[in-house]
PDB file of all heavy atoms in Angstrom:
ATOM      1  N   ALA A   1       3.223  -5.376 -30.018  1.00  0.00           N
ATOM      2  CA  ALA A   1       2.072  -6.274 -29.881  1.00  0.00           C
ATOM      3  C   ALA A   1       2.262  -7.224 -28.704  1.00  0.00           C
ATOM      4  O   ALA A   1       1.328  -7.472 -27.922  1.00  0.00           O
ATOM      5  CB  ALA A   1       1.874  -7.068 -31.171  1.00  0.00           C
ATOM      6  N   ASP A   2       3.469  -7.751 -28.552  1.00  0.00           N
ATOM      7  CA  ASP A   2       3.755  -8.671 -27.445  1.00  0.00           C
ATOM      8  C   ASP A   2       3.656  -7.962 -26.096  1.00  0.00           C
ATOM      9  O   ASP A   2       3.096  -8.502 -25.131  1.00  0.00           O
ATOM     10  CB  ASP A   2       5.152  -9.283 -27.604  1.00  0.00           C
ATOM     11  CG  ASP A   2       5.227 -10.272 -28.762  1.00  0.00           C
ATOM     12  OD1 ASP A   2       4.170 -10.719 -29.235  1.00  0.00           O
ATOM     13  OD2 ASP A   2       6.364 -10.597 -29.193  1.00  0.00           O
ATOM     14  N   ILE A   3       4.203  -6.739 -26.039  1.00  0.00           N
ATOM     15  CA  ILE A   3       4.167  -5.978 -24.783  1.00  0.00           C
ATOM     16  C   ILE A   3       2.726  -5.643 -24.407  1.00  0.00           C
ATOM     17  O   ILE A   3       2.309  -5.823 -23.253  1.00  0.00           O
ATOM     18  CB  ILE A   3       5.006  -4.689 -24.910  1.00  0.00           C
ATOM     19  CG1 ILE A   3       6.497  -5.026 -25.002  1.00  0.00           C
ATOM     20  CG2 ILE A   3       4.751  -3.761 -23.714  1.00  0.00           C
ATOM     21  CD1 ILE A   3       7.380  -3.823 -25.298  1.00  0.00           C
ATOM     22  N   CYS A   4       1.955  -5.174 -25.370  1.00  0.00           N
ATOM     23  CA  CYS A   4       0.569  -4.800 -25.081  1.00  0.00           C
ATOM     24  C   CYS A   4      -0.244  -6.005 -24.606  1.00  0.00           C
ATOM     25  O   CYS A   4      -1.021  -5.909 -23.645  1.00  0.00           O
ATOM     26  CB  CYS A   4      -0.079  -4.190 -26.323  1.00  0.00           C
ATOM     27  SG  CYS A   4       0.515  -2.527 -26.743  1.00  0.00           S
ATOM     28  N   ALA A   5      -0.046  -7.147 -25.266  1.00  0.00           N
ATOM     29  CA  ALA A   5      -0.778  -8.351 -24.873  1.00  0.00           C
ATOM     30  C   ALA A   5      -0.378  -8.796 -23.468  1.00  0.00           C
ATOM     31  O   ALA A   5      -1.223  -9.238 -22.674  1.00  0.00           O
ATOM     32  CB  ALA A   5      -0.514  -9.475 -25.877  1.00  0.00           C
ATOM     33  N   ASP A   6       0.902  -8.669 -23.148  1.00  0.00           N
ATOM     34  CA  ASP A   6       1.384  -9.091 -21.834  1.00  0.00           C
ATOM     35  C   ASP A   6       0.844  -8.186 -20.733  1.00  0.00           C
ATOM     36  O   ASP A   6       0.421  -8.664 -19.666  1.00  0.00           O
ATOM     37  CB  ASP A   6       2.917  -9.087 -21.829  1.00  0.00           C
ATOM     38  CG  ASP A   6       3.500  -9.872 -20.662  1.00  0.00           C
ATOM     39  OD1 ASP A   6       2.798 -10.762 -20.118  1.00  0.00           O
ATOM     40  OD2 ASP A   6       4.653  -9.608 -20.291  1.00  0.00           O
ATOM     41  N   VAL A   7       0.839  -6.873 -20.979  1.00  0.00           N
ATOM     42  CA  VAL A   7       0.297  -5.940 -19.983  1.00  0.00           C
ATOM     43  C   VAL A   7      -1.198  -6.172 -19.806  1.00  0.00           C
ATOM     44  O   VAL A   7      -1.714  -6.143 -18.683  1.00  0.00           O
ATOM     45  CB  VAL A   7       0.578  -4.479 -20.392  1.00  0.00           C
ATOM     46  CG1 VAL A   7      -0.162  -3.507 -19.474  1.00  0.00           C
ATOM     47  CG2 VAL A   7       2.075  -4.197 -20.362  1.00  0.00           C
ATOM     48  N   GLN A   8      -1.892  -6.432 -20.896  1.00  0.00           N
ATOM     49  CA  GLN A   8      -3.325  -6.707 -20.814  1.00  0.00           C
ATOM     50  C   GLN A   8      -3.593  -7.960 -19.988  1.00  0.00           C
ATOM     51  O   GLN A   8      -4.562  -8.032 -19.233  1.00  0.00           O
ATOM     52  CB  GLN A   8      -3.908  -6.868 -22.213  1.00  0.00           C
ATOM     53  CG  GLN A   8      -5.431  -6.993 -22.246  1.00  0.00           C
ATOM     54  CD  GLN A   8      -5.967  -7.059 -23.660  1.00  0.00           C
ATOM     55  OE1 GLN A   8      -5.234  -7.331 -24.615  1.00  0.00           O
ATOM     56  NE2 GLN A   8      -7.261  -6.801 -23.805  1.00  0.00           N
ATOM     57  N   LYS A   9      -2.702  -8.943 -20.088  1.00  0.00           N
ATOM     58  CA  LYS A   9      -2.889 -10.211 -19.387  1.00  0.00           C
ATOM     59  C   LYS A   9      -2.413 -10.156 -17.939  1.00  0.00           C
ATOM     60  O   LYS A   9      -3.121 -10.615 -17.023  1.00  0.00           O
ATOM     61  CB  LYS A   9      -2.136 -11.319 -20.130  1.00  0.00           C
ATOM     62  CG  LYS A   9      -2.251 -12.692 -19.493  1.00  0.00           C
ATOM     63  CD  LYS A   9      -1.454 -13.719 -20.286  1.00  0.00           C
ATOM     64  CE  LYS A   9      -1.539 -15.108 -19.652  1.00  0.00           C
ATOM     65  NZ  LYS A   9      -0.756 -16.118 -20.422  1.00  0.00           N
ATOM     66  N   ARG A  10      -1.235  -9.591 -17.700  1.00  0.00           N
ATOM     67  CA  ARG A  10      -0.622  -9.672 -16.364  1.00  0.00           C
ATOM     68  C   ARG A  10      -0.676  -8.378 -15.568  1.00  0.00           C
ATOM     69  O   ARG A  10      -0.284  -8.346 -14.401  1.00  0.00           O
ATOM     70  CB  ARG A  10       0.825 -10.144 -16.485  1.00  0.00           C
ATOM     71  CG  ARG A  10       0.986 -11.555 -17.046  1.00  0.00           C
ATOM     72  CD  ARG A  10       2.385 -12.099 -16.750  1.00  0.00           C
ATOM     73  NE  ARG A  10       3.424 -11.342 -17.419  1.00  0.00           N
ATOM     74  CZ  ARG A  10       4.474 -10.824 -16.788  1.00  0.00           C
ATOM     75  NH1 ARG A  10       4.609 -10.943 -15.472  1.00  0.00           N
ATOM     76  NH2 ARG A  10       5.393 -10.160 -17.476  1.00  0.00           N
ATOM     77  N   GLY A  11      -1.133  -7.294 -16.187  1.00  0.00           N
ATOM     78  CA  GLY A  11      -1.348  -6.057 -15.454  1.00  0.00           C
ATOM     79  C   GLY A  11      -0.108  -5.472 -14.804  1.00  0.00           C
ATOM     80  O   GLY A  11       0.946  -5.329 -15.434  1.00  0.00           O
ATOM     81  N   ASP A  12      -0.232  -5.143 -13.506  1.00  0.00           N
ATOM     82  CA  ASP A  12       0.846  -4.470 -12.778  1.00  0.00           C
ATOM     83  C   ASP A  12       2.159  -5.230 -12.848  1.00  0.00           C
ATOM     84  O   ASP A  12       3.236  -4.622 -12.970  1.00  0.00           O
ATOM     85  CB  ASP A  12       0.455  -4.284 -11.313  1.00  0.00           C
ATOM     86  CG  ASP A  12      -0.545  -3.166 -11.097  1.00  0.00           C
ATOM     87  OD1 ASP A  12      -0.823  -2.418 -12.062  1.00  0.00           O
ATOM     88  OD2 ASP A  12      -1.049  -3.030  -9.965  1.00  0.00           O
ATOM     89  N   ALA A  13       2.108  -6.540 -12.767  1.00  0.00           N
ATOM     90  CA  ALA A  13       3.341  -7.346 -12.760  1.00  0.00           C
ATOM     91  C   ALA A  13       4.131  -7.124 -14.047  1.00  0.00           C
ATOM     92  O   ALA A  13       5.358  -6.947 -14.020  1.00  0.00           O
ATOM     93  CB  ALA A  13       3.002  -8.823 -12.585  1.00  0.00           C
ATOM     94  N   ALA A  14       3.444  -7.124 -15.181  1.00  0.00           N
ATOM     95  CA  ALA A  14       4.122  -6.883 -16.455  1.00  0.00           C
ATOM     96  C   ALA A  14       4.639  -5.459 -16.533  1.00  0.00           C
ATOM     97  O   ALA A  14       5.751  -5.208 -17.020  1.00  0.00           O
ATOM     98  CB  ALA A  14       3.164  -7.164 -17.608  1.00  0.00           C
ATOM     99  N   LEU A  15       3.855  -4.513 -16.032  1.00  0.00           N
ATOM    100  CA  LEU A  15       4.253  -3.106 -16.070  1.00  0.00           C
ATOM    101  C   LEU A  15       5.532  -2.887 -15.269  1.00  0.00           C
ATOM    102  O   LEU A  15       6.458  -2.195 -15.729  1.00  0.00           O
ATOM    103  CB  LEU A  15       3.115  -2.242 -15.515  1.00  0.00           C
ATOM    104  CG  LEU A  15       3.181  -0.739 -15.757  1.00  0.00           C
ATOM    105  CD1 LEU A  15       3.250  -0.422 -17.243  1.00  0.00           C
ATOM    106  CD2 LEU A  15       1.969  -0.058 -15.123  1.00  0.00           C
ATOM    107  N   ILE A  16       5.609  -3.472 -14.097  1.00  0.00           N
ATOM    108  CA  ILE A  16       6.810  -3.360 -13.260  1.00  0.00           C
ATOM    109  C   ILE A  16       8.008  -4.004 -13.959  1.00  0.00           C
ATOM    110  O   ILE A  16       9.117  -3.438 -13.995  1.00  0.00           O
ATOM    111  CB  ILE A  16       6.572  -4.017 -11.884  1.00  0.00           C
ATOM    112  CG1 ILE A  16       5.511  -3.234 -11.095  1.00  0.00           C
ATOM    113  CG2 ILE A  16       7.863  -4.099 -11.088  1.00  0.00           C
ATOM    114  CD1 ILE A  16       4.990  -3.977  -9.879  1.00  0.00           C
ATOM    115  N   GLU A  17       7.795  -5.173 -14.528  1.00  0.00           N
ATOM    116  CA  GLU A  17       8.887  -5.905 -15.183  1.00  0.00           C
ATOM    117  C   GLU A  17       9.462  -5.115 -16.355  1.00  0.00           C
ATOM    118  O   GLU A  17      10.681  -4.974 -16.490  1.00  0.00           O
ATOM    119  CB  GLU A  17       8.364  -7.260 -15.660  1.00  0.00           C
ATOM    120  CG  GLU A  17       9.410  -8.120 -16.343  1.00  0.00           C
ATOM    121  CD  GLU A  17       8.818  -9.446 -16.814  1.00  0.00           C
ATOM    122  OE1 GLU A  17       8.090 -10.085 -16.017  1.00  0.00           O
ATOM    123  OE2 GLU A  17       9.076  -9.819 -17.964  1.00  0.00           O
ATOM    124  N   TYR A  18       8.597  -4.596 -17.216  1.00  0.00           N
ATOM    125  CA  TYR A  18       9.086  -3.851 -18.383  1.00  0.00           C
ATOM    126  C   TYR A  18       9.739  -2.533 -17.972  1.00  0.00           C
ATOM    127  O   TYR A  18      10.728  -2.105 -18.579  1.00  0.00           O
ATOM    128  CB  TYR A  18       7.933  -3.577 -19.356  1.00  0.00           C
ATOM    129  CG  TYR A  18       7.468  -4.806 -20.102  1.00  0.00           C
ATOM    130  CD1 TYR A  18       6.150  -5.251 -20.000  1.00  0.00           C
ATOM    131  CD2 TYR A  18       8.340  -5.537 -20.907  1.00  0.00           C
ATOM    132  CE1 TYR A  18       5.712  -6.379 -20.679  1.00  0.00           C
ATOM    133  CE2 TYR A  18       7.918  -6.670 -21.590  1.00  0.00           C
ATOM    134  CZ  TYR A  18       6.608  -7.087 -21.461  1.00  0.00           C
ATOM    135  OH  TYR A  18       6.188  -8.201 -22.132  1.00  0.00           O
ATOM    136  N   THR A  19       9.204  -1.886 -16.968  1.00  0.00           N
ATOM    137  CA  THR A  19       9.789  -0.627 -16.515  1.00  0.00           C
ATOM    138  C   THR A  19      11.195  -0.857 -15.963  1.00  0.00           C
ATOM    139  O   THR A  19      12.127  -0.103 -16.267  1.00  0.00           O
ATOM    140  CB  THR A  19       8.895   0.036 -15.451  1.00  0.00           C
ATOM    141  OG1 THR A  19       7.603   0.285 -16.012  1.00  0.00           O
ATOM    142  CG2 THR A  19       9.491   1.356 -14.986  1.00  0.00           C
ATOM    143  N   ASN A  20      11.366  -1.892 -15.174  1.00  0.00           N
ATOM    144  CA  ASN A  20      12.693  -2.207 -14.651  1.00  0.00           C
ATOM    145  C   ASN A  20      13.656  -2.571 -15.781  1.00  0.00           C
ATOM    146  O   ASN A  20      14.830  -2.175 -15.771  1.00  0.00           O
ATOM    147  CB  ASN A  20      12.609  -3.361 -13.646  1.00  0.00           C
ATOM    148  CG  ASN A  20      11.989  -2.927 -12.323  1.00  0.00           C
ATOM    149  OD1 ASN A  20      11.960  -1.741 -11.997  1.00  0.00           O
ATOM    150  ND2 ASN A  20      11.487  -3.884 -11.549  1.00  0.00           N
ATOM    151  N   ARG A  21      13.157  -3.304 -16.786  1.00  0.00           N
ATOM    152  CA  ARG A  21      14.021  -3.748 -17.871  1.00  0.00           C
ATOM    153  C   ARG A  21      14.435  -2.592 -18.780  1.00  0.00           C
ATOM    154  O   ARG A  21      15.613  -2.427 -19.107  1.00  0.00           O
ATOM    155  CB  ARG A  21      13.310  -4.805 -18.709  1.00  0.00           C
ATOM    156  CG  ARG A  21      14.188  -5.358 -19.842  1.00  0.00           C
ATOM    157  CD  ARG A  21      13.387  -6.136 -20.863  1.00  0.00           C
ATOM    158  NE  ARG A  21      12.565  -7.188 -20.279  1.00  0.00           N
ATOM    159  CZ  ARG A  21      11.755  -7.962 -21.000  1.00  0.00           C
ATOM    160  NH1 ARG A  21      11.670  -7.783 -22.324  1.00  0.00           N
ATOM    161  NH2 ARG A  21      11.026  -8.892 -20.417  1.00  0.00           N
ATOM    162  N   PHE A  22      13.479  -1.792 -19.181  1.00  0.00           N
ATOM    163  CA  PHE A  22      13.770  -0.753 -20.177  1.00  0.00           C
ATOM    164  C   PHE A  22      14.288   0.551 -19.581  1.00  0.00           C
ATOM    165  O   PHE A  22      15.043   1.278 -20.226  1.00  0.00           O
ATOM    166  CB  PHE A  22      12.522  -0.466 -21.017  1.00  0.00           C
ATOM    167  CG  PHE A  22      12.045  -1.635 -21.821  1.00  0.00           C
ATOM    168  CD1 PHE A  22      10.697  -1.973 -21.853  1.00  0.00           C
ATOM    169  CD2 PHE A  22      12.934  -2.413 -22.543  1.00  0.00           C
ATOM    170  CE1 PHE A  22      10.243  -3.049 -22.601  1.00  0.00           C
ATOM    171  CE2 PHE A  22      12.496  -3.494 -23.290  1.00  0.00           C
ATOM    172  CZ  PHE A  22      11.154  -3.828 -23.316  1.00  0.00           C
ATOM    173  N   ASP A  23      13.879   0.869 -18.360  1.00  0.00           N
ATOM    174  CA  ASP A  23      14.289   2.140 -17.750  1.00  0.00           C
ATOM    175  C   ASP A  23      15.379   1.984 -16.703  1.00  0.00           C
ATOM    176  O   ASP A  23      15.824   2.985 -16.116  1.00  0.00           O
ATOM    177  CB  ASP A  23      13.075   2.839 -17.115  1.00  0.00           C
ATOM    178  CG  ASP A  23      12.131   3.422 -18.158  1.00  0.00           C
ATOM    179  OD1 ASP A  23      12.538   3.482 -19.341  1.00  0.00           O
ATOM    180  OD2 ASP A  23      11.004   3.800 -17.815  1.00  0.00           O
ATOM    181  N   GLY A  24      15.793   0.750 -16.455  1.00  0.00           N
ATOM    182  CA  GLY A  24      16.870   0.548 -15.483  1.00  0.00           C
ATOM    183  C   GLY A  24      16.477   0.898 -14.068  1.00  0.00           C
ATOM    184  O   GLY A  24      17.310   1.331 -13.272  1.00  0.00           O
ATOM    185  N   THR A  25      15.203   0.721 -13.739  1.00  0.00           N
ATOM    186  CA  THR A  25      14.747   1.000 -12.384  1.00  0.00           C
ATOM    187  C   THR A  25      14.728  -0.290 -11.565  1.00  0.00           C
ATOM    188  O   THR A  25      14.986  -1.371 -12.078  1.00  0.00           O
ATOM    189  CB  THR A  25      13.330   1.621 -12.417  1.00  0.00           C
ATOM    190  OG1 THR A  25      12.457   0.760 -13.156  1.00  0.00           O
ATOM    191  CG2 THR A  25      13.357   2.975 -13.092  1.00  0.00           C
TER     192      THR A  25
END
């Protein structure tokens, strides 16, 4: 729920942040 709300609010910035955090990119 937190991730979905954050992506909905911050868009690309949140997507990049979570991808780097969870996938080690």
